[in-house]
């Protein structure tokens, strides 16, 4: 792993409980297994970035930083941009595919896309 490699962690529905959009100031309660995982990565020196659509509106980032700090995490970088250094993404909406095939790893299929 190079020095700039990182792990992306989605906020809503992955790191924080999410029911529905309640405004930029509202972020749900922490999801403890994911919080523990992120804390372990950070303590081992892994670069973790919060990978969220909320980052597309810069005014939302301070609320995310405050939420992280309130729940015992450092003010991790917040982004919505994937780059070549991203090792993996933990997200409640993604479906992993087998490289170079377009085939899903699991049989889970999306109801949103026919």
C-alpha atoms as a PDB file:
ATOM      1  CA  UNK A   1       0.000   0.000   0.000  1.00  0.00           C
ATOM      2  CA  UNK A   2       1.459   3.370  -0.982  1.00  0.00           C
ATOM      3  CA  UNK A   3       1.402   6.330   1.382  1.00  0.00           C
ATOM      4  CA  UNK A   4      -1.536   8.010  -0.355  1.00  0.00           C
ATOM      5  CA  UNK A   5      -3.874   5.001  -0.663  1.00  0.00           C
ATOM      6  CA  UNK A   6      -7.181   5.417   1.130  1.00  0.00           C
ATOM      7  CA  UNK A   7     -10.427   3.728   2.071  1.00  0.00           C
ATOM      8  CA  UNK A   8     -13.721   5.462   1.351  1.00  0.00           C
ATOM      9  CA  UNK A   9     -16.578   5.183   3.837  1.00  0.00           C
ATOM     10  CA  UNK A  10     -20.055   6.444   2.999  1.00  0.00           C
ATOM     11  CA  UNK A  11     -21.775   8.515   5.675  1.00  0.00           C
ATOM     12  CA  UNK A  12     -25.561   8.091   5.464  1.00  0.00           C
ATOM     13  CA  UNK A  13     -26.629   4.482   5.863  1.00  0.00           C
ATOM     14  CA  UNK A  14     -23.089   3.177   6.387  1.00  0.00           C
ATOM     15  CA  UNK A  15     -21.390   5.168   9.154  1.00  0.00           C
ATOM     16  CA  UNK A  16     -24.525   6.986  10.363  1.00  0.00           C
ATOM     17  CA  UNK A  17     -28.098   5.741  10.589  1.00  0.00           C
ATOM     18  CA  UNK A  18     -30.254   7.136   7.781  1.00  0.00           C
ATOM     19  CA  UNK A  19     -34.051   7.091   7.451  1.00  0.00           C
ATOM     20  CA  UNK A  20     -34.762  10.046   5.215  1.00  0.00           C
ATOM     21  CA  UNK A  21     -33.323  13.451   4.398  1.00  0.00           C
ATOM     22  CA  UNK A  22     -33.902  15.835   7.304  1.00  0.00           C
ATOM     23  CA  UNK A  23     -31.648  18.729   6.264  1.00  0.00           C
ATOM     24  CA  UNK A  24     -27.956  19.466   6.122  1.00  0.00           C
ATOM     25  CA  UNK A  25     -27.580  19.785   9.881  1.00  0.00           C
ATOM     26  CA  UNK A  26     -29.059  16.354  10.621  1.00  0.00           C
ATOM     27  CA  UNK A  27     -26.818  13.287  10.607  1.00  0.00           C
ATOM     28  CA  UNK A  28     -28.151  10.116  12.222  1.00  0.00           C
ATOM     29  CA  UNK A  29     -26.759   8.190  15.146  1.00  0.00           C
ATOM     30  CA  UNK A  30     -23.493   6.301  14.593  1.00  0.00           C
ATOM     31  CA  UNK A  31     -23.572   2.706  13.407  1.00  0.00           C
ATOM     32  CA  UNK A  32     -21.286   1.120  15.990  1.00  0.00           C
ATOM     33  CA  UNK A  33     -19.731  -1.767  13.991  1.00  0.00           C
ATOM     34  CA  UNK A  34     -18.676   0.658  11.244  1.00  0.00           C
ATOM     35  CA  UNK A  35     -17.470   3.234  13.765  1.00  0.00           C
ATOM     36  CA  UNK A  36     -15.282   0.564  15.380  1.00  0.00           C
ATOM     37  CA  UNK A  37     -13.930  -0.471  11.977  1.00  0.00           C
ATOM     38  CA  UNK A  38     -13.057   3.124  11.035  1.00  0.00           C
ATOM     39  CA  UNK A  39     -11.448   3.746  14.441  1.00  0.00           C
ATOM     40  CA  UNK A  40      -9.320   0.615  14.017  1.00  0.00           C
ATOM     41  CA  UNK A  41      -8.211   1.687  10.545  1.00  0.00           C
ATOM     42  CA  UNK A  42      -7.349   5.198  11.717  1.00  0.00           C
ATOM     43  CA  UNK A  43      -5.395   3.847  14.707  1.00  0.00           C
ATOM     44  CA  UNK A  44      -3.370   1.655  12.296  1.00  0.00           C
ATOM     45  CA  UNK A  45      -2.536   4.661  10.132  1.00  0.00           C
ATOM     46  CA  UNK A  46      -4.930   3.872   7.281  1.00  0.00           C
ATOM     47  CA  UNK A  47      -6.136   6.972   5.471  1.00  0.00           C
ATOM     48  CA  UNK A  48      -9.922   7.000   5.668  1.00  0.00           C
ATOM     49  CA  UNK A  49     -12.043   9.513   3.794  1.00  0.00           C
ATOM     50  CA  UNK A  50     -15.750  10.081   4.208  1.00  0.00           C
ATOM     51  CA  UNK A  51     -17.088   9.491   0.687  1.00  0.00           C
ATOM     52  CA  UNK A  52     -20.507  11.109   0.484  1.00  0.00           C
ATOM     53  CA  UNK A  53     -22.764  12.935  -1.946  1.00  0.00           C
ATOM     54  CA  UNK A  54     -23.104  15.580   0.781  1.00  0.00           C
ATOM     55  CA  UNK A  55     -19.603  16.750  -0.188  1.00  0.00           C
ATOM     56  CA  UNK A  56     -21.026  18.089  -3.456  1.00  0.00           C
ATOM     57  CA  UNK A  57     -22.360  20.980  -1.342  1.00  0.00           C
ATOM     58  CA  UNK A  58     -19.328  22.443   0.476  1.00  0.00           C
ATOM     59  CA  UNK A  59     -21.528  24.043   3.155  1.00  0.00           C
ATOM     60  CA  UNK A  60     -22.371  20.539   4.425  1.00  0.00           C
ATOM     61  CA  UNK A  61     -18.780  19.519   5.195  1.00  0.00           C
ATOM     62  CA  UNK A  62     -18.498  21.400   8.538  1.00  0.00           C
ATOM     63  CA  UNK A  63     -21.567  19.525   9.831  1.00  0.00           C
ATOM     64  CA  UNK A  64     -19.893  16.233   8.900  1.00  0.00           C
ATOM     65  CA  UNK A  65     -16.640  17.237  10.621  1.00  0.00           C
ATOM     66  CA  UNK A  66     -18.554  18.235  13.757  1.00  0.00           C
ATOM     67  CA  UNK A  67     -20.455  14.910  13.734  1.00  0.00           C
ATOM     68  CA  UNK A  68     -17.228  12.919  13.363  1.00  0.00           C
ATOM     69  CA  UNK A  69     -15.584  14.790  16.234  1.00  0.00           C
ATOM     70  CA  UNK A  70     -18.675  14.476  18.461  1.00  0.00           C
ATOM     71  CA  UNK A  71     -18.583  10.701  17.994  1.00  0.00           C
ATOM     72  CA  UNK A  72     -14.876  10.225  18.630  1.00  0.00           C
ATOM     73  CA  UNK A  73     -13.419  10.249  15.133  1.00  0.00           C
ATOM     74  CA  UNK A  74     -10.946  12.779  13.807  1.00  0.00           C
ATOM     75  CA  UNK A  75     -12.023  15.375  11.248  1.00  0.00           C
ATOM     76  CA  UNK A  76     -11.407  13.038   8.328  1.00  0.00           C
ATOM     77  CA  UNK A  77     -11.258  14.334   4.791  1.00  0.00           C
ATOM     78  CA  UNK A  78     -14.723  14.498   3.230  1.00  0.00           C
ATOM     79  CA  UNK A  79     -15.039  13.976  -0.506  1.00  0.00           C
ATOM     80  CA  UNK A  80     -17.282  12.811  -3.298  1.00  0.00           C
ATOM     81  CA  UNK A  81     -14.430  12.262  -5.728  1.00  0.00           C
ATOM     82  CA  UNK A  82     -12.901   8.858  -6.419  1.00  0.00           C
ATOM     83  CA  UNK A  83      -9.273   8.747  -7.531  1.00  0.00           C
ATOM     84  CA  UNK A  84      -6.663   6.107  -8.358  1.00  0.00           C
ATOM     85  CA  UNK A  85      -5.460   5.910  -4.730  1.00  0.00           C
ATOM     86  CA  UNK A  86      -8.821   4.677  -3.404  1.00  0.00           C
ATOM     87  CA  UNK A  87      -8.370   1.054  -2.326  1.00  0.00           C
ATOM     88  CA  UNK A  88     -11.997   0.258  -1.536  1.00  0.00           C
ATOM     89  CA  UNK A  89     -15.358   1.817  -0.819  1.00  0.00           C
ATOM     90  CA  UNK A  90     -17.737   0.866   1.996  1.00  0.00           C
ATOM     91  CA  UNK A  91     -21.207   1.989   0.988  1.00  0.00           C
ATOM     92  CA  UNK A  92     -24.812   0.888   1.490  1.00  0.00           C
ATOM     93  CA  UNK A  93     -25.750   1.456  -2.156  1.00  0.00           C
ATOM     94  CA  UNK A  94     -22.941  -0.036  -4.200  1.00  0.00           C
ATOM     95  CA  UNK A  95     -22.913  -3.376  -5.975  1.00  0.00           C
ATOM     96  CA  UNK A  96     -19.490  -4.874  -6.548  1.00  0.00           C
ATOM     97  CA  UNK A  97     -18.673  -6.316  -9.948  1.00  0.00           C
ATOM     98  CA  UNK A  98     -15.994  -8.771 -11.036  1.00  0.00           C
ATOM     99  CA  UNK A  99     -13.256  -6.697 -12.683  1.00  0.00           C
ATOM    100  CA  UNK A 100     -13.430  -6.443 -16.445  1.00  0.00           C
ATOM    101  CA  UNK A 101     -16.673  -8.438 -16.725  1.00  0.00           C
ATOM    102  CA  UNK A 102     -19.546  -6.212 -15.680  1.00  0.00           C
ATOM    103  CA  UNK A 103     -20.907  -9.178 -13.717  1.00  0.00           C
ATOM    104  CA  UNK A 104     -22.030  -8.658 -10.121  1.00  0.00           C
ATOM    105  CA  UNK A 105     -20.170 -10.513  -7.387  1.00  0.00           C
ATOM    106  CA  UNK A 106     -23.467 -11.443  -5.740  1.00  0.00           C
ATOM    107  CA  UNK A 107     -26.898 -12.166  -7.125  1.00  0.00           C
ATOM    108  CA  UNK A 108     -28.326  -9.036  -5.472  1.00  0.00           C
ATOM    109  CA  UNK A 109     -29.982  -6.901  -8.089  1.00  0.00           C
ATOM    110  CA  UNK A 110     -31.249  -3.373  -7.931  1.00  0.00           C
ATOM    111  CA  UNK A 111     -34.955  -2.693  -7.923  1.00  0.00           C
ATOM    112  CA  UNK A 112     -34.215   0.820  -9.163  1.00  0.00           C
ATOM    113  CA  UNK A 113     -32.628  -0.299 -12.421  1.00  0.00           C
ATOM    114  CA  UNK A 114     -34.454  -2.808 -14.663  1.00  0.00           C
END
